[in-house]
């Protein structure tokens, strides 16, 4: 399942590699790494607006925040910094800016 996956960073916008958390046996044991091509159908059917990213100069304080972190790059979209699950790298999730602001009116 997607909850059992540990997503690893990639330098490609639509491709990544992952391993299964349940297969992890310890720091000195090998774990099989899988290609996102294997689960392309699952990705398309469960995608809810989250994307992997690679930041050149990340603000590490954002990754340690205890409250949600939102980024506004313009274009009418707000991006929430989040993890897909507790073991994955960070990703960003898109939200329409007007919908986001309407929650606080």
N, C-alpha and C. Protein backbone atom coordinates (compact mmCIF):
# COMPACT_ATOMS: atom_id res chain seq x y z
N UNK A 1 0.84 -1.19 0.00
CA UNK A 1 0.00 0.00 0.00
C UNK A 1 0.88 1.25 0.00
N UNK A 2 0.29 2.37 -0.35
CA UNK A 2 1.03 3.63 -0.39
C UNK A 2 1.52 4.03 1.00
N UNK A 3 0.81 3.65 2.05
CA UNK A 3 1.22 4.01 3.41
C UNK A 3 2.47 3.26 3.84
N UNK A 4 2.77 2.15 3.19
CA UNK A 4 3.93 1.33 3.53
C UNK A 4 5.18 1.77 2.77
N UNK A 5 5.08 2.84 2.01
CA UNK A 5 6.19 3.25 1.15
C UNK A 5 7.05 4.33 1.79
N UNK A 6 8.33 4.21 1.58
CA UNK A 6 9.26 5.27 1.94
C UNK A 6 9.76 5.85 0.62
N UNK A 7 9.35 7.08 0.32
CA UNK A 7 9.69 7.72 -0.94
C UNK A 7 11.07 8.35 -0.80
N UNK A 8 11.92 8.09 -1.77
CA UNK A 8 13.27 8.64 -1.77
C UNK A 8 13.35 9.75 -2.81
N UNK A 9 14.15 10.74 -2.56
CA UNK A 9 14.27 11.89 -3.46
C UNK A 9 14.72 11.46 -4.85
N UNK A 10 14.36 12.28 -5.80
CA UNK A 10 14.74 12.04 -7.19
C UNK A 10 15.03 13.38 -7.84
N UNK A 11 15.84 13.38 -8.86
CA UNK A 11 16.11 14.63 -9.57
C UNK A 11 15.25 14.74 -10.82
N UNK A 12 14.23 13.93 -10.91
CA UNK A 12 13.32 13.94 -12.05
C UNK A 12 11.93 14.33 -11.58
N UNK A 13 11.22 15.14 -12.32
CA UNK A 13 9.93 15.68 -11.88
C UNK A 13 8.81 14.65 -11.81
N UNK A 14 8.88 13.60 -12.62
CA UNK A 14 7.77 12.65 -12.65
C UNK A 14 8.18 11.23 -12.27
N UNK A 15 9.38 11.04 -11.82
CA UNK A 15 9.88 9.70 -11.50
C UNK A 15 10.59 9.73 -10.15
N UNK A 16 10.43 8.67 -9.38
CA UNK A 16 11.12 8.57 -8.10
C UNK A 16 11.36 7.10 -7.79
N UNK A 17 12.12 6.85 -6.77
CA UNK A 17 12.34 5.48 -6.30
C UNK A 17 11.81 5.37 -4.88
N UNK A 18 11.43 4.16 -4.49
CA UNK A 18 10.86 3.96 -3.17
C UNK A 18 11.23 2.58 -2.66
N UNK A 19 11.05 2.40 -1.36
CA UNK A 19 11.19 1.08 -0.74
C UNK A 19 9.98 0.89 0.17
N UNK A 20 9.75 -0.35 0.58
CA UNK A 20 8.65 -0.64 1.49
C UNK A 20 9.16 -0.63 2.92
N UNK A 21 8.50 0.14 3.78
CA UNK A 21 8.89 0.26 5.18
C UNK A 21 8.86 -1.10 5.86
N UNK A 22 7.87 -1.92 5.52
CA UNK A 22 7.73 -3.24 6.15
C UNK A 22 8.88 -4.18 5.81
N UNK A 23 9.65 -3.89 4.76
CA UNK A 23 10.79 -4.73 4.38
C UNK A 23 12.08 -4.32 5.08
N UNK A 24 12.08 -3.19 5.79
CA UNK A 24 13.28 -2.72 6.46
C UNK A 24 13.60 -3.62 7.65
N UNK A 25 14.82 -4.16 7.68
CA UNK A 25 15.24 -5.08 8.74
C UNK A 25 16.33 -4.51 9.64
N UNK A 26 16.92 -3.41 9.28
CA UNK A 26 17.97 -2.82 10.10
C UNK A 26 18.99 -2.12 9.23
N UNK A 27 19.86 -1.32 9.85
CA UNK A 27 20.80 -0.49 9.10
C UNK A 27 21.83 -1.27 8.28
N UNK A 28 22.11 -2.50 8.64
CA UNK A 28 23.12 -3.28 7.91
C UNK A 28 22.51 -4.27 6.92
N UNK A 29 21.21 -4.20 6.71
CA UNK A 29 20.51 -5.12 5.81
C UNK A 29 20.14 -4.41 4.51
N UNK A 30 20.14 -5.14 3.43
CA UNK A 30 19.75 -4.59 2.13
C UNK A 30 18.23 -4.47 2.03
N UNK A 31 17.78 -3.44 1.34
CA UNK A 31 16.36 -3.23 1.07
C UNK A 31 16.21 -3.04 -0.43
N UNK A 32 15.22 -3.69 -1.01
CA UNK A 32 14.99 -3.54 -2.45
C UNK A 32 14.42 -2.16 -2.75
N UNK A 33 14.99 -1.50 -3.73
CA UNK A 33 14.51 -0.19 -4.19
C UNK A 33 13.69 -0.42 -5.45
N UNK A 34 12.50 0.20 -5.51
CA UNK A 34 11.58 0.02 -6.62
C UNK A 34 11.47 1.32 -7.42
N UNK A 35 11.12 1.20 -8.67
CA UNK A 35 10.90 2.35 -9.54
C UNK A 35 9.44 2.76 -9.50
N UNK A 36 9.17 4.06 -9.57
CA UNK A 36 7.79 4.53 -9.59
C UNK A 36 7.04 4.05 -10.83
N UNK A 37 7.76 3.62 -11.86
CA UNK A 37 7.10 3.07 -13.05
C UNK A 37 6.23 1.87 -12.70
N UNK A 38 6.62 1.09 -11.68
CA UNK A 38 5.88 -0.10 -11.28
C UNK A 38 4.48 0.23 -10.76
N UNK A 39 4.32 1.41 -10.20
CA UNK A 39 3.05 1.76 -9.56
C UNK A 39 2.38 2.96 -10.23
N UNK A 40 2.66 3.17 -11.48
CA UNK A 40 2.12 4.32 -12.20
C UNK A 40 0.59 4.39 -12.11
N UNK A 41 -0.09 3.27 -12.23
CA UNK A 41 -1.55 3.24 -12.14
C UNK A 41 -2.07 3.67 -10.78
N UNK A 42 -1.41 3.20 -9.72
CA UNK A 42 -1.80 3.58 -8.36
C UNK A 42 -1.57 5.07 -8.14
N UNK A 43 -0.45 5.57 -8.64
CA UNK A 43 -0.15 6.99 -8.49
C UNK A 43 -1.24 7.83 -9.14
N UNK A 44 -1.60 7.49 -10.36
CA UNK A 44 -2.62 8.26 -11.08
C UNK A 44 -3.98 8.20 -10.40
N UNK A 45 -4.32 7.07 -9.80
CA UNK A 45 -5.64 6.94 -9.17
C UNK A 45 -5.70 7.53 -7.76
N UNK A 46 -4.54 7.74 -7.11
CA UNK A 46 -4.55 8.26 -5.74
C UNK A 46 -3.95 9.66 -5.61
N UNK A 47 -3.50 10.23 -6.71
CA UNK A 47 -2.85 11.55 -6.66
C UNK A 47 -3.86 12.60 -6.19
N UNK A 48 -3.50 13.36 -5.18
CA UNK A 48 -4.38 14.39 -4.63
C UNK A 48 -3.72 15.76 -4.64
N UNK A 49 -2.77 15.98 -5.53
CA UNK A 49 -2.15 17.29 -5.65
C UNK A 49 -0.80 17.43 -4.99
N UNK A 50 -0.18 16.36 -4.56
CA UNK A 50 1.13 16.44 -3.92
C UNK A 50 2.22 16.12 -4.94
N UNK A 51 3.37 16.78 -4.78
CA UNK A 51 4.48 16.64 -5.72
C UNK A 51 5.80 16.58 -4.96
N UNK A 52 6.72 15.77 -5.44
CA UNK A 52 8.07 15.79 -4.90
C UNK A 52 8.76 17.05 -5.39
N UNK A 53 9.74 17.53 -4.65
CA UNK A 53 10.48 18.72 -5.06
C UNK A 53 11.91 18.60 -4.58
N UNK A 54 12.76 19.39 -5.16
CA UNK A 54 14.14 19.47 -4.70
C UNK A 54 14.48 20.95 -4.55
N UNK A 55 14.81 21.34 -3.32
CA UNK A 55 15.09 22.73 -3.02
C UNK A 55 16.59 22.97 -3.05
N UNK A 56 17.02 24.00 -3.75
CA UNK A 56 18.46 24.29 -3.82
C UNK A 56 18.99 24.83 -2.50
N UNK A 57 18.23 25.70 -1.87
CA UNK A 57 18.64 26.28 -0.58
C UNK A 57 17.45 26.22 0.40
N UNK A 58 17.18 25.04 0.93
CA UNK A 58 16.00 24.90 1.79
C UNK A 58 16.13 25.67 3.10
N UNK A 59 15.02 26.08 3.63
CA UNK A 59 14.94 26.71 4.94
C UNK A 59 14.62 25.59 5.92
N UNK A 60 15.62 25.08 6.59
CA UNK A 60 15.44 23.90 7.43
C UNK A 60 14.44 24.12 8.56
N UNK A 61 14.25 25.35 8.98
CA UNK A 61 13.28 25.64 10.04
C UNK A 61 11.87 25.25 9.58
N UNK A 62 11.59 25.32 8.28
CA UNK A 62 10.28 24.92 7.77
C UNK A 62 10.04 23.43 7.98
N UNK A 63 11.09 22.63 7.86
CA UNK A 63 10.95 21.18 8.03
C UNK A 63 10.76 20.79 9.49
N UNK A 64 11.12 21.66 10.40
CA UNK A 64 11.00 21.39 11.83
C UNK A 64 9.73 22.00 12.44
N UNK A 65 8.97 22.74 11.65
CA UNK A 65 7.78 23.44 12.15
C UNK A 65 6.76 22.45 12.71
N UNK A 66 6.09 22.86 13.78
CA UNK A 66 5.05 22.02 14.37
C UNK A 66 3.67 22.39 13.85
N UNK A 67 3.56 23.46 13.11
CA UNK A 67 2.31 23.89 12.47
C UNK A 67 2.48 23.78 10.96
N UNK A 68 1.38 23.72 10.21
CA UNK A 68 1.49 23.62 8.75
C UNK A 68 2.26 24.80 8.15
N UNK A 69 3.06 24.52 7.14
CA UNK A 69 3.83 25.54 6.43
C UNK A 69 3.25 25.66 5.03
N UNK A 70 2.88 26.89 4.65
CA UNK A 70 2.32 27.15 3.32
C UNK A 70 3.23 28.12 2.58
N UNK A 71 3.42 27.87 1.30
CA UNK A 71 4.27 28.70 0.46
C UNK A 71 3.43 29.29 -0.66
N UNK A 72 3.65 30.57 -0.95
CA UNK A 72 2.90 31.25 -2.01
C UNK A 72 3.90 31.77 -3.04
N UNK A 73 3.92 31.12 -4.19
CA UNK A 73 4.79 31.54 -5.29
C UNK A 73 4.03 32.34 -6.33
N UNK A 74 2.81 32.76 -6.01
CA UNK A 74 1.98 33.46 -6.97
C UNK A 74 1.17 32.48 -7.80
N UNK A 75 0.61 32.94 -8.90
CA UNK A 75 -0.14 32.10 -9.83
C UNK A 75 -1.45 31.57 -9.26
N UNK A 76 -1.93 32.07 -8.12
CA UNK A 76 -3.21 31.65 -7.56
C UNK A 76 -3.20 30.30 -6.87
N UNK A 77 -2.01 29.78 -6.55
CA UNK A 77 -1.90 28.48 -5.89
C UNK A 77 -1.06 28.63 -4.62
N UNK A 78 -1.52 28.01 -3.53
CA UNK A 78 -0.77 27.93 -2.27
C UNK A 78 -0.25 26.49 -2.19
N UNK A 79 1.00 26.33 -1.74
CA UNK A 79 1.60 25.00 -1.62
C UNK A 79 1.85 24.68 -0.16
N UNK A 80 1.33 23.55 0.31
CA UNK A 80 1.57 23.12 1.68
C UNK A 80 2.75 22.16 1.71
N UNK A 81 3.72 22.46 2.57
CA UNK A 81 4.85 21.57 2.78
C UNK A 81 4.39 20.45 3.69
N UNK A 82 4.59 19.21 3.28
CA UNK A 82 4.08 18.08 4.05
C UNK A 82 4.86 16.81 3.72
N UNK A 83 4.59 15.77 4.45
CA UNK A 83 5.12 14.44 4.15
C UNK A 83 3.96 13.59 3.64
N UNK A 84 4.25 12.72 2.67
CA UNK A 84 3.23 11.81 2.17
C UNK A 84 2.85 10.81 3.26
N UNK A 85 3.85 10.36 4.02
CA UNK A 85 3.62 9.55 5.22
C UNK A 85 4.77 9.85 6.18
N UNK A 86 4.78 9.22 7.33
CA UNK A 86 5.78 9.54 8.36
C UNK A 86 7.21 9.19 7.98
N UNK A 87 7.40 8.40 6.93
CA UNK A 87 8.73 7.92 6.57
C UNK A 87 9.25 8.50 5.27
N UNK A 88 8.45 9.28 4.59
CA UNK A 88 8.83 9.77 3.26
C UNK A 88 9.57 11.10 3.34
N UNK A 89 10.14 11.47 2.22
CA UNK A 89 10.71 12.81 2.08
C UNK A 89 9.57 13.81 2.08
N UNK A 90 9.90 15.07 2.22
CA UNK A 90 8.87 16.10 2.15
C UNK A 90 8.36 16.24 0.72
N UNK A 91 7.12 16.65 0.61
CA UNK A 91 6.52 16.95 -0.69
C UNK A 91 5.72 18.24 -0.51
N UNK A 92 5.18 18.75 -1.59
CA UNK A 92 4.30 19.91 -1.52
C UNK A 92 2.96 19.53 -2.12
N UNK A 93 1.90 20.09 -1.56
CA UNK A 93 0.54 19.80 -2.02
C UNK A 93 -0.11 21.11 -2.46
N UNK A 94 -0.68 21.09 -3.64
CA UNK A 94 -1.29 22.29 -4.22
C UNK A 94 -2.68 22.54 -3.64
N UNK A 95 -3.00 23.81 -3.44
CA UNK A 95 -4.33 24.23 -3.00
C UNK A 95 -4.64 25.55 -3.71
N UNK A 96 -5.84 25.68 -4.24
CA UNK A 96 -6.24 26.93 -4.88
C UNK A 96 -6.25 28.03 -3.82
N UNK A 97 -5.59 29.14 -4.08
CA UNK A 97 -5.43 30.21 -3.10
C UNK A 97 -6.77 30.73 -2.58
N UNK A 98 -7.73 30.97 -3.46
CA UNK A 98 -9.03 31.49 -3.03
C UNK A 98 -9.76 30.50 -2.13
N UNK A 99 -9.66 29.20 -2.41
CA UNK A 99 -10.28 28.18 -1.56
C UNK A 99 -9.61 28.17 -0.19
N UNK A 100 -8.29 28.30 -0.17
CA UNK A 100 -7.53 28.33 1.07
C UNK A 100 -7.96 29.53 1.93
N UNK A 101 -8.02 30.71 1.33
CA UNK A 101 -8.38 31.92 2.07
C UNK A 101 -9.83 31.90 2.54
N UNK A 102 -10.72 31.26 1.78
CA UNK A 102 -12.14 31.19 2.15
C UNK A 102 -12.35 30.45 3.46
N UNK A 103 -11.45 29.55 3.81
CA UNK A 103 -11.56 28.80 5.07
C UNK A 103 -11.42 29.71 6.29
N UNK A 104 -10.81 30.88 6.12
CA UNK A 104 -10.51 31.76 7.24
C UNK A 104 -11.37 33.01 7.28
N UNK A 105 -12.37 33.08 6.45
CA UNK A 105 -13.26 34.26 6.44
C UNK A 105 -14.37 34.10 7.42
